[in-house]
Protein backbone atom coordinates (compact mmCIF):
# COMPACT_ATOMS: atom_id res chain seq x y z
CA MET A 1 -137.93 243.60 77.78
CA TYR A 2 -140.72 245.92 76.50
CA SER A 3 -144.27 245.48 77.47
CA TRP A 4 -145.48 244.28 73.93
CA GLN A 5 -143.10 241.40 74.55
CA THR A 6 -144.20 240.51 77.94
CA ASP A 7 -147.88 240.28 76.70
CA ASN A 8 -146.65 237.96 73.91
CA LEU A 9 -144.94 235.51 76.79
CA GLU A 10 -148.31 235.58 78.21
CA LYS A 11 -150.32 234.57 75.13
CA VAL A 12 -147.94 231.73 74.56
CA TRP A 13 -148.63 230.56 77.94
CA ASN A 14 -152.38 230.97 77.77
CA SER A 15 -152.24 229.45 74.28
CA GLY A 16 -149.63 226.61 74.55
CA THR A 17 -148.62 227.54 71.28
CA ASP A 18 -145.32 229.33 69.91
CA LYS A 19 -145.51 232.78 68.68
CA PHE A 20 -142.86 234.45 65.81
CA VAL A 21 -143.37 238.28 65.74
CA ASP A 22 -143.18 239.43 62.30
CA ARG A 23 -141.89 242.75 64.05
CA PRO A 24 -138.10 242.95 63.92
CA LEU A 25 -136.79 245.31 66.21
CA PHE A 26 -133.46 247.19 66.87
CA GLU A 27 -132.22 246.75 70.23
CA SER A 28 -128.69 247.93 72.01
CA ALA A 29 -126.52 245.13 73.63
CA GLU A 30 -127.22 246.34 77.23
CA ASN A 31 -130.14 245.62 77.26
CA LEU A 32 -130.20 241.62 76.16
CA THR A 33 -127.65 238.65 76.26
CA GLU A 34 -125.75 237.57 73.00
CA LEU A 35 -125.72 234.08 72.98
CA ALA A 36 -123.44 233.68 69.59
CA ARG A 37 -122.43 235.49 66.75
CA TYR A 38 -120.84 234.36 63.32
CA SER A 39 -119.40 236.77 60.81
CA ILE A 40 -119.39 235.61 57.11
CA GLU A 41 -116.11 237.37 56.41
CA THR A 42 -114.29 234.38 58.51
CA ASP A 43 -115.76 232.23 55.32
CA ASP A 44 -113.28 231.06 52.75
CA PHE A 45 -115.77 231.53 50.06
CA TRP A 46 -116.49 235.22 51.04
CA LYS A 47 -114.50 237.57 48.73
CA CYS A 48 -115.83 240.97 49.71
CA ASP A 49 -114.72 243.64 51.99
CA ILE A 50 -118.77 244.11 53.01
CA TYR A 51 -119.71 241.51 55.04
CA GLN A 52 -122.75 240.08 57.33
CA VAL A 53 -123.05 239.33 60.96
CA TYR A 54 -125.45 236.97 62.10
CA SER A 55 -126.34 236.58 66.01
CA VAL A 56 -128.95 234.64 68.11
CA ALA A 57 -129.90 236.49 71.56
CA THR A 58 -132.76 237.23 74.16
CA SER A 59 -134.17 240.42 75.08
CA ASN A 60 -133.30 240.00 78.75
CA PRO A 61 -129.97 240.89 79.97
CA ASN A 62 -127.39 238.98 82.02
CA ARG A 63 -129.10 235.41 80.95
CA THR A 64 -127.28 232.11 80.98
CA GLU A 65 -128.21 228.78 79.10
CA PRO A 66 -130.59 227.11 79.41
CA LEU A 67 -133.27 229.57 78.93
CA THR A 68 -136.41 229.97 80.37
CA LEU A 69 -140.18 229.43 78.89
CA TRP A 70 -142.32 231.92 79.78
CA VAL A 71 -139.63 234.35 80.96
CA ASP A 72 -137.17 234.61 77.68
CA ASP A 73 -137.61 234.85 74.01
CA LEU A 74 -135.28 233.88 71.28
CA LEU A 75 -133.79 236.73 69.05
CA VAL A 76 -132.58 236.22 65.66
CA GLY A 77 -130.21 238.97 64.77
CA PHE A 78 -128.59 240.45 61.23
CA ARG A 79 -126.45 243.42 60.85
CA ALA A 80 -124.10 244.43 57.95
CA SER A 81 -120.49 246.29 58.05
CA ASP A 82 -121.41 248.86 55.60
CA THR A 83 -124.45 251.35 55.94
CA THR A 84 -126.92 249.97 53.43
CA GLY A 85 -129.10 248.03 55.62
CA TYR A 86 -132.32 249.05 57.28
CA PHE A 87 -132.65 252.26 59.45
CA GLU A 88 -135.19 252.42 62.65
CA GLY A 89 -138.31 253.99 61.82
CA ASP A 90 -141.68 253.79 61.03
CA PHE A 91 -142.74 253.24 56.92
CA VAL A 92 -145.58 252.87 55.20
CA THR A 93 -144.87 250.02 52.66
CA GLN A 94 -141.77 248.02 51.91
CA SER A 95 -140.83 246.03 49.09
CA ARG A 96 -138.07 243.24 48.81
CA GLU A 97 -135.61 245.83 47.75
CA TYR A 98 -136.75 249.35 49.47
CA ILE A 99 -138.60 251.05 52.15
CA TRP A 100 -140.42 253.86 51.25
CA TRP A 101 -141.83 256.53 52.80
CA GLY A 102 -145.25 257.74 51.50
CA ASP A 103 -144.27 258.40 47.69
CA THR A 104 -140.37 258.79 48.36
CA GLN A 105 -138.10 256.31 48.05
CA SER A 106 -135.69 256.90 51.09
CA HIS A 107 -133.35 254.24 51.85
CA ALA A 108 -132.21 251.03 50.09
CA ALA A 109 -132.66 247.64 52.72
CA ASN A 110 -129.83 246.10 50.26
CA HIS A 111 -128.93 243.27 52.79
CA LEU A 112 -131.70 240.01 53.06
CA VAL A 113 -131.12 236.87 54.57
CA ARG A 114 -133.31 234.03 55.14
CA PHE A 115 -133.51 231.64 58.47
CA SER A 116 -135.57 229.13 59.95
CA ILE A 117 -136.17 227.45 63.56
CA LYS A 118 -136.56 224.05 64.38
CA HIS A 119 -137.53 222.46 67.78
CA THR A 120 -135.91 219.26 68.86
CA ASP A 121 -138.84 217.99 72.07
CA LEU A 122 -137.53 215.73 75.14
CA ASP A 123 -138.18 213.08 72.77
CA GLY A 124 -136.04 213.72 70.33
CA ARG A 125 -138.96 214.75 67.66
CA THR A 126 -138.12 217.65 65.35
CA ARG A 127 -140.56 220.01 63.56
CA PHE A 128 -140.09 223.70 61.85
CA VAL A 129 -141.48 226.23 64.12
CA VAL A 130 -140.11 229.10 61.64
CA ASN A 131 -139.38 228.35 58.34
CA ASN A 132 -137.53 230.70 55.39
CA GLN A 133 -138.30 233.41 57.27
CA GLU A 134 -136.46 236.40 55.64
CA LEU A 135 -134.80 239.44 57.52
CA TYR A 136 -133.69 242.33 56.45
CA GLY A 137 -130.21 243.44 58.49
CA GLY A 138 -129.56 246.80 60.23
CA ASP A 139 -125.81 248.07 59.43
CA SER A 140 -122.91 249.83 60.90
CA GLU A 141 -125.13 252.60 61.76
CA SER A 142 -128.40 251.18 62.92
CA GLY A 143 -126.99 248.37 64.52
CA VAL A 144 -128.23 244.50 64.43
CA ARG A 145 -132.10 244.07 63.69
CA TYR A 146 -133.79 241.00 65.52
CA SER A 147 -136.97 238.97 64.67
CA SER A 148 -138.44 237.91 68.22
CA PHE A 149 -139.40 233.95 68.58
CA TYR A 150 -141.46 232.62 71.83
CA PRO A 151 -141.13 229.50 72.59
CA SER A 152 -144.14 226.82 74.28
CA LYS A 153 -142.41 223.85 74.92
CA PRO A 154 -138.98 222.82 76.40
CA GLY A 155 -136.55 221.42 74.57
CA ILE A 156 -133.65 222.39 71.90
CA TYR A 157 -134.50 225.16 69.73
CA THR A 158 -131.88 225.62 66.65
CA VAL A 159 -131.62 228.70 64.54
CA THR A 160 -130.15 228.14 61.35
CA PHE A 161 -129.20 230.66 58.35
CA ASN A 162 -130.26 228.92 55.23
CA LYS A 163 -129.70 231.42 52.45
CA ILE A 164 -128.37 235.11 51.41
CA LEU A 165 -130.64 236.66 49.49
CA GLN A 166 -128.93 240.25 49.09
CA SER A 167 -125.53 240.95 50.40
CA GLY A 168 -125.18 245.25 49.40
CA GLY A 169 -122.78 245.64 46.80
CA CYS A 170 -121.01 242.43 47.02
CA ALA A 171 -121.99 239.79 44.12
CA ILE A 172 -123.38 236.16 46.60
CA PRO A 173 -120.77 233.72 44.95
CA GLU A 174 -122.44 231.32 43.41
CA PRO A 175 -123.07 228.39 44.31
CA ALA A 176 -124.62 230.25 47.00
CA PRO A 177 -123.98 228.50 50.40
CA ASN A 178 -127.14 226.81 52.22
CA ASN A 179 -127.45 226.30 55.86
CA PHE A 180 -124.00 228.02 56.70
CA TRP A 181 -124.45 228.73 60.19
CA SER A 182 -127.20 227.33 63.05
CA TYR A 183 -127.09 227.54 66.96
CA SER A 184 -129.06 225.69 69.45
CA VAL A 185 -130.29 226.97 72.40
CA GLU A 186 -131.91 224.63 75.25
CA PHE A 187 -135.42 225.82 76.90
CA VAL A 188 -136.45 225.00 80.13
CA PRO A 189 -139.49 225.67 82.18
CA PRO A 190 -139.02 227.65 85.14
CA GLU A 191 -139.27 226.19 88.83
CA ASP A 192 -141.82 228.51 90.27
CA GLU A 193 -143.21 231.65 89.25
CA SER A 194 -140.86 234.37 90.93
CA LYS A 195 -139.11 235.34 87.61
CA ILE A 196 -142.68 235.19 85.07
CA PRO A 197 -143.03 238.92 84.28
CA PHE A 198 -146.66 238.45 84.36
CA GLY A 199 -149.38 236.91 86.54
CA VAL A 200 -149.93 233.02 86.58
CA ASP A 201 -151.07 230.64 89.06
CA SER A 202 -148.12 229.26 91.38
CA ALA A 203 -149.60 225.49 91.11
CA GLU A 204 -149.77 225.67 87.36
CA ILE A 205 -146.26 226.51 86.84
CA ALA A 206 -145.00 223.58 89.35
CA ALA A 207 -146.99 221.04 87.75
CA ALA A 208 -145.49 222.17 84.32
CA PHE A 209 -141.84 222.02 86.11
CA GLU A 210 -142.56 218.53 87.73
CA GLN A 211 -143.93 217.26 84.37
CA TYR A 212 -140.77 218.36 82.67
CA GLN A 213 -138.68 216.35 85.16
CA GLN A 214 -140.68 213.45 84.81
CA GLN A 215 -140.11 213.65 81.34
CA GLN A 216 -136.16 213.98 81.76
CA GLN A 217 -135.96 211.61 83.91
CA GLN A 218 -137.85 209.07 81.57
CA GLN A 219 -135.14 209.87 78.86
CA ASN A 220 -132.28 209.36 81.35
CA GLU A 221 -133.70 205.93 82.75
CA PRO A 222 -131.00 203.23 81.06
CA VAL A 223 -132.64 200.43 78.77
CA LYS A 224 -132.49 197.16 80.41
CA PRO A 225 -130.32 194.36 78.94
CA ILE A 226 -132.02 191.82 77.68
CA SER A 227 -131.08 188.55 79.78
CA THR A 228 -129.52 185.42 78.34
CA GLY A 229 -132.46 183.32 79.90
CA TYR A 230 -134.97 185.10 78.20
CA ILE A 231 -133.03 185.00 74.56
CA PHE A 232 -132.86 181.28 75.12
CA GLY A 233 -136.46 180.64 75.99
CA THR A 234 -137.54 182.83 73.28
CA PHE A 235 -135.22 180.63 70.76
CA THR A 236 -136.72 177.84 72.41
CA ALA A 237 -140.25 178.16 71.59
CA ILE A 238 -139.69 179.37 68.32
CA THR A 239 -138.24 176.04 67.73
CA LEU A 240 -140.82 174.48 69.38
CA VAL A 241 -143.47 175.99 67.09
CA ALA A 242 -141.28 175.22 64.01
CA TYR A 243 -141.02 171.61 64.80
CA THR A 244 -144.54 171.18 65.24
CA ILE A 245 -145.77 173.00 62.20
CA PHE A 246 -143.21 171.06 59.96
CA ASP A 247 -143.92 167.55 61.82
CA LEU A 248 -148.05 168.13 61.26
CA MET A 249 -146.94 168.91 57.30
CA PHE A 250 -144.84 165.84 57.04
CA LYS A 251 -147.96 163.72 58.78
CA LYS A 252 -150.34 165.46 56.55
CA ARG A 253 -148.44 164.06 53.43
CA ASN A 254 -147.94 160.64 54.68
């Protein structure tokens, strides 16, 4: 993990809010953990020899799920099977179709996808933390290109690839598939500060983990069954109230 990634983890801890970094990067497989991969060529609707591969990963190597808040990030990856993807290097300006080096068109980035990330908290509430973000893919030469997301709260984070916008020399099938692949990752707080790559107070981490455990316990508590006596008592009370109202109305008429 690079120092700027550690800085983002620390910013998330200090602010208590998620952070999405619109600074896609290339990274070799041995430096990270790929959690899931999906190739569009396995879909029946895809009828072209050129295909796209999507992945979900985290920057730390040898990780297992669930991932850990303030330790792990969430990477959304994308590459193409041909050589018309994005390549690594600094660029001056970028349009939807091309990357420009000064006044010279250098390379066509012909693979583009749109994705979203949804968070489901411990109470089952959902919200989009990244919505309809565009990502240019790498290719068979440059490799997978990743966008980075840093979560701030425990729960399930679901990455969904929403739409293929460009597919190199292939025509996108019509109607274009929407929300064609999703993968969910759970994030939990650490039990202590030992694995956090920046300085934190151990008491604060312990408190965050204890709060998480309490929330989990509340969610796992069984719903108490309603007793027969309670149902009978409630029914009797409603009956008595209805009878009293009916009796008063009858006496008033007479």
